[in-house]
PDB file of N, CA and C in Angstrom:
ATOM      1  N   MET A   1       5.083   6.281 -36.439  1.00  0.00           N
ATOM      2  CA  MET A   1       5.221   5.003 -37.142  1.00  0.00           C
ATOM      3  C   MET A   1       4.253   4.938 -38.316  1.00  0.00           C
ATOM      4  N   LEU A   2       3.047   5.429 -38.124  1.00  0.00           N
ATOM      5  CA  LEU A   2       2.055   5.406 -39.198  1.00  0.00           C
ATOM      6  C   LEU A   2       2.523   6.256 -40.375  1.00  0.00           C
ATOM      7  N   PHE A   3       3.185   7.361 -40.068  1.00  0.00           N
ATOM      8  CA  PHE A   3       3.695   8.247 -41.110  1.00  0.00           C
ATOM      9  C   PHE A   3       4.736   7.536 -41.971  1.00  0.00           C
ATOM     10  N   ILE A   4       5.675   6.829 -41.314  1.00  0.00           N
ATOM     11  CA  ILE A   4       6.715   6.074 -42.021  1.00  0.00           C
ATOM     12  C   ILE A   4       6.080   4.968 -42.853  1.00  0.00           C
ATOM     13  N   TYR A   5       5.081   4.308 -42.291  1.00  0.00           N
ATOM     14  CA  TYR A   5       4.392   3.244 -43.012  1.00  0.00           C
ATOM     15  C   TYR A   5       3.707   3.806 -44.250  1.00  0.00           C
ATOM     16  N   TYR A   6       3.115   4.969 -44.121  1.00  0.00           N
ATOM     17  CA  TYR A   6       2.445   5.599 -45.259  1.00  0.00           C
ATOM     18  C   TYR A   6       3.451   5.920 -46.362  1.00  0.00           C
ATOM     19  N   ILE A   7       4.634   6.393 -45.980  1.00  0.00           N
ATOM     20  CA  ILE A   7       5.669   6.697 -46.971  1.00  0.00           C
ATOM     21  C   ILE A   7       6.134   5.410 -47.650  1.00  0.00           C
ATOM     22  N   LYS A   8       6.203   4.322 -46.893  1.00  0.00           N
ATOM     23  CA  LYS A   8       6.652   3.057 -47.478  1.00  0.00           C
ATOM     24  C   LYS A   8       5.666   2.539 -48.516  1.00  0.00           C
ATOM     25  N   ILE A   9       4.372   2.674 -48.244  1.00  0.00           N
ATOM     26  CA  ILE A   9       3.391   2.156 -49.200  1.00  0.00           C
ATOM     27  C   ILE A   9       3.023   3.202 -50.253  1.00  0.00           C
ATOM     28  N   SER A  10       3.532   4.405 -50.116  1.00  0.00           N
ATOM     29  CA  SER A  10       3.113   5.501 -50.980  1.00  0.00           C
ATOM     30  C   SER A  10       3.441   5.327 -52.466  1.00  0.00           C
ATOM     31  N   PRO A  11       4.500   4.614 -52.873  1.00  0.00           N
ATOM     32  CA  PRO A  11       4.721   4.450 -54.316  1.00  0.00           C
ATOM     33  C   PRO A  11       3.545   3.808 -55.039  1.00  0.00           C
ATOM     34  N   PHE A  12       2.693   3.095 -54.318  1.00  0.00           N
ATOM     35  CA  PHE A  12       1.532   2.467 -54.932  1.00  0.00           C
ATOM     36  C   PHE A  12       0.289   3.338 -54.794  1.00  0.00           C
ATOM     37  N   ASN A  13       0.476   4.527 -54.250  1.00  0.00           N
ATOM     38  CA  ASN A  13      -0.654   5.419 -54.006  1.00  0.00           C
ATOM     39  C   ASN A  13      -0.650   6.527 -55.060  1.00  0.00           C
ATOM     40  N   PRO A  14      -1.747   6.734 -55.786  1.00  0.00           N
ATOM     41  CA  PRO A  14      -1.764   7.777 -56.821  1.00  0.00           C
ATOM     42  C   PRO A  14      -1.654   9.194 -56.272  1.00  0.00           C
ATOM     43  N   LEU A  15      -1.953   9.366 -54.978  1.00  0.00           N
ATOM     44  CA  LEU A  15      -1.893  10.700 -54.380  1.00  0.00           C
ATOM     45  C   LEU A  15      -0.499  11.063 -53.876  1.00  0.00           C
ATOM     46  N   THR A  16       0.456  10.175 -54.057  1.00  0.00           N
ATOM     47  CA  THR A  16       1.798  10.393 -53.521  1.00  0.00           C
ATOM     48  C   THR A  16       2.458  11.666 -54.043  1.00  0.00           C
ATOM     49  N   PRO A  17       2.442  11.932 -55.360  1.00  0.00           N
ATOM     50  CA  PRO A  17       3.103  13.157 -55.830  1.00  0.00           C
ATOM     51  C   PRO A  17       2.531  14.408 -55.183  1.00  0.00           C
ATOM     52  N   LEU A  18       1.219  14.454 -55.018  1.00  0.00           N
ATOM     53  CA  LEU A  18       0.590  15.599 -54.371  1.00  0.00           C
ATOM     54  C   LEU A  18       1.060  15.720 -52.923  1.00  0.00           C
ATOM     55  N   PHE A  19       1.100  14.585 -52.231  1.00  0.00           N
ATOM     56  CA  PHE A  19       1.535  14.552 -50.836  1.00  0.00           C
ATOM     57  C   PHE A  19       2.954  15.103 -50.693  1.00  0.00           C
ATOM     58  N   PHE A  20       3.865  14.605 -51.544  1.00  0.00           N
ATOM     59  CA  PHE A  20       5.253  15.053 -51.448  1.00  0.00           C
ATOM     60  C   PHE A  20       5.416  16.489 -51.924  1.00  0.00           C
ATOM     61  N   ASP A  21       4.604  16.910 -52.900  1.00  0.00           N
ATOM     62  CA  ASP A  21       4.646  18.305 -53.326  1.00  0.00           C
ATOM     63  C   ASP A  21       4.265  19.226 -52.173  1.00  0.00           C
ATOM     64  N   LEU A  22       3.250  18.837 -51.418  1.00  0.00           N
ATOM     65  CA  LEU A  22       2.831  19.659 -50.280  1.00  0.00           C
ATOM     66  C   LEU A  22       3.942  19.756 -49.243  1.00  0.00           C
ATOM     67  N   ILE A  23       4.594  18.629 -48.957  1.00  0.00           N
ATOM     68  CA  ILE A  23       5.697  18.635 -47.984  1.00  0.00           C
ATOM     69  C   ILE A  23       6.831  19.519 -48.490  1.00  0.00           C
ATOM     70  N   LEU A  24       7.156  19.372 -49.794  1.00  0.00           N
ATOM     71  CA  LEU A  24       8.248  20.137 -50.383  1.00  0.00           C
ATOM     72  C   LEU A  24       7.953  21.632 -50.324  1.00  0.00           C
ATOM     73  N   ILE A  25       6.714  22.001 -50.657  1.00  0.00           N
ATOM     74  CA  ILE A  25       6.326  23.412 -50.617  1.00  0.00           C
ATOM     75  C   ILE A  25       6.443  23.951 -49.194  1.00  0.00           C
ATOM     76  N   LYS A  26       5.997  23.153 -48.226  1.00  0.00           N
ATOM     77  CA  LYS A  26       6.064  23.572 -46.825  1.00  0.00           C
ATOM     78  C   LYS A  26       7.520  23.775 -46.396  1.00  0.00           C
ATOM     79  N   VAL A  27       8.388  22.827 -46.743  1.00  0.00           N
ATOM     80  CA  VAL A  27       9.804  22.912 -46.360  1.00  0.00           C
ATOM     81  C   VAL A  27      10.461  24.119 -47.017  1.00  0.00           C
ATOM     82  N   ILE A  28      10.195  24.309 -48.311  1.00  0.00           N
ATOM     83  CA  ILE A  28      10.795  25.441 -49.022  1.00  0.00           C
ATOM     84  C   ILE A  28      10.318  26.762 -48.418  1.00  0.00           C
ATOM     85  N   PHE A  29       9.025  26.829 -48.084  1.00  0.00           N
ATOM     86  CA  PHE A  29       8.484  28.049 -47.486  1.00  0.00           C
ATOM     87  C   PHE A  29       9.144  28.324 -46.137  1.00  0.00           C
ATOM     88  N   MET A  30       9.329  27.275 -45.332  1.00  0.00           N
ATOM     89  CA  MET A  30       9.980  27.432 -44.030  1.00  0.00           C
ATOM     90  C   MET A  30      11.404  27.941 -44.197  1.00  0.00           C
ATOM     91  N   ILE A  31      12.147  27.331 -45.136  1.00  0.00           N
ATOM     92  CA  ILE A  31      13.544  27.730 -45.359  1.00  0.00           C
ATOM     93  C   ILE A  31      13.604  29.180 -45.832  1.00  0.00           C
ATOM     94  N   LYS A  32      12.700  29.528 -46.755  1.00  0.00           N
ATOM     95  CA  LYS A  32      12.690  30.899 -47.272  1.00  0.00           C
ATOM     96  C   LYS A  32      12.404  31.896 -46.164  1.00  0.00           C
ATOM     97  N   SER A  33      11.418  31.616 -45.332  1.00  0.00           N
ATOM     98  CA  SER A  33      11.067  32.549 -44.265  1.00  0.00           C
ATOM     99  C   SER A  33      12.200  32.659 -43.246  1.00  0.00           C
ATOM    100  N   LYS A  34      12.868  31.530 -42.964  1.00  0.00           N
ATOM    101  CA  LYS A  34      14.005  31.569 -42.031  1.00  0.00           C
ATOM    102  C   LYS A  34      15.134  32.408 -42.616  1.00  0.00           C
ATOM    103  N   LEU A  35      15.436  32.211 -43.901  1.00  0.00           N
ATOM    104  CA  LEU A  35      16.489  32.984 -44.551  1.00  0.00           C
ATOM    105  C   LEU A  35      16.134  34.468 -44.544  1.00  0.00           C
ATOM    106  N   TYR A  36      14.881  34.771 -44.861  1.00  0.00           N
ATOM    107  CA  TYR A  36      14.438  36.166 -44.891  1.00  0.00           C
ATOM    108  C   TYR A  36      14.567  36.805 -43.512  1.00  0.00           C
ATOM    109  N   GLN A  37      14.184  36.058 -42.475  1.00  0.00           N
ATOM    110  CA  GLN A  37      14.305  36.567 -41.109  1.00  0.00           C
ATOM    111  C   GLN A  37      15.768  36.827 -40.761  1.00  0.00           C
ATOM    112  N   ALA A  38      16.643  35.888 -41.128  1.00  0.00           N
ATOM    113  CA  ALA A  38      18.064  36.044 -40.812  1.00  0.00           C
ATOM    114  C   ALA A  38      18.640  37.257 -41.535  1.00  0.00           C
ATOM    115  N   ILE A  39      18.292  37.414 -42.813  1.00  0.00           N
ATOM    116  CA  ILE A  39      18.823  38.531 -43.598  1.00  0.00           C
ATOM    117  C   ILE A  39      18.298  39.859 -43.057  1.00  0.00           C
ATOM    118  N   SER A  40      17.001  39.928 -42.775  1.00  0.00           N
ATOM    119  CA  SER A  40      16.424  41.184 -42.294  1.00  0.00           C
ATOM    120  C   SER A  40      16.990  41.529 -40.909  1.00  0.00           C
ATOM    121  N   TRP A  41      17.165  40.516 -40.054  1.00  0.00           N
ATOM    122  CA  TRP A  41      17.721  40.780 -38.724  1.00  0.00           C
ATOM    123  C   TRP A  41      19.159  41.262 -38.837  1.00  0.00           C
ATOM    124  N   ARG A  42      19.931  40.678 -39.760  1.00  0.00           N
ATOM    125  CA  ARG A  42      21.324  41.066 -39.938  1.00  0.00           C
ATOM    126  C   ARG A  42      21.406  42.504 -40.440  1.00  0.00           C
ATOM    127  N   SER A  43      20.580  42.839 -41.438  1.00  0.00           N
ATOM    128  CA  SER A  43      20.605  44.197 -41.977  1.00  0.00           C
ATOM    129  C   SER A  43      20.124  45.194 -40.919  1.00  0.00           C
ATOM    130  N   PHE A  44      19.145  44.781 -40.108  1.00  0.00           N
ATOM    131  CA  PHE A  44      18.648  45.659 -39.052  1.00  0.00           C
ATOM    132  C   PHE A  44      19.754  45.944 -38.037  1.00  0.00           C
ATOM    133  N   SER A  45      20.472  44.904 -37.604  1.00  0.00           N
ATOM    134  CA  SER A  45      21.539  45.100 -36.626  1.00  0.00           C
ATOM    135  C   SER A  45      22.685  45.897 -37.254  1.00  0.00           C
ATOM    136  N   PHE A  46      22.891  45.718 -38.570  1.00  0.00           N
ATOM    137  CA  PHE A  46      23.933  46.469 -39.271  1.00  0.00           C
ATOM    138  C   PHE A  46      23.607  47.962 -39.270  1.00  0.00           C
ATOM    139  N   PHE A  47      22.342  48.294 -39.568  1.00  0.00           N
ATOM    140  CA  PHE A  47      21.939  49.700 -39.582  1.00  0.00           C
ATOM    141  C   PHE A  47      21.874  50.271 -38.168  1.00  0.00           C
ATOM    142  N   ALA A  48      21.549  49.427 -37.197  1.00  0.00           N
ATOM    143  CA  ALA A  48      21.439  49.903 -35.823  1.00  0.00           C
ATOM    144  C   ALA A  48      22.817  50.191 -35.228  1.00  0.00           C
ATOM    145  N   SER A  49      23.868  49.624 -35.825  1.00  0.00           N
ATOM    146  CA  SER A  49      25.208  49.802 -35.271  1.00  0.00           C
ATOM    147  C   SER A  49      25.773  51.178 -35.609  1.00  0.00           C
ATOM    148  N   PHE A  50      25.166  51.894 -36.552  1.00  0.00           N
ATOM    149  CA  PHE A  50      25.671  53.221 -36.905  1.00  0.00           C
ATOM    150  C   PHE A  50      25.296  54.259 -35.851  1.00  0.00           C
TER     151      PHE A  50
END
């Protein structure tokens, strides 16, 4: 609940862009690592099938 409240009042907070940039970077990094894992696992299973 405190997190949601912080987001609600955040437009009046000068640190908001930094806060959201950090979240965005974290999310993008997670997605990239998940995609990389999926691709590497797929290629590994593809090569292992020979």
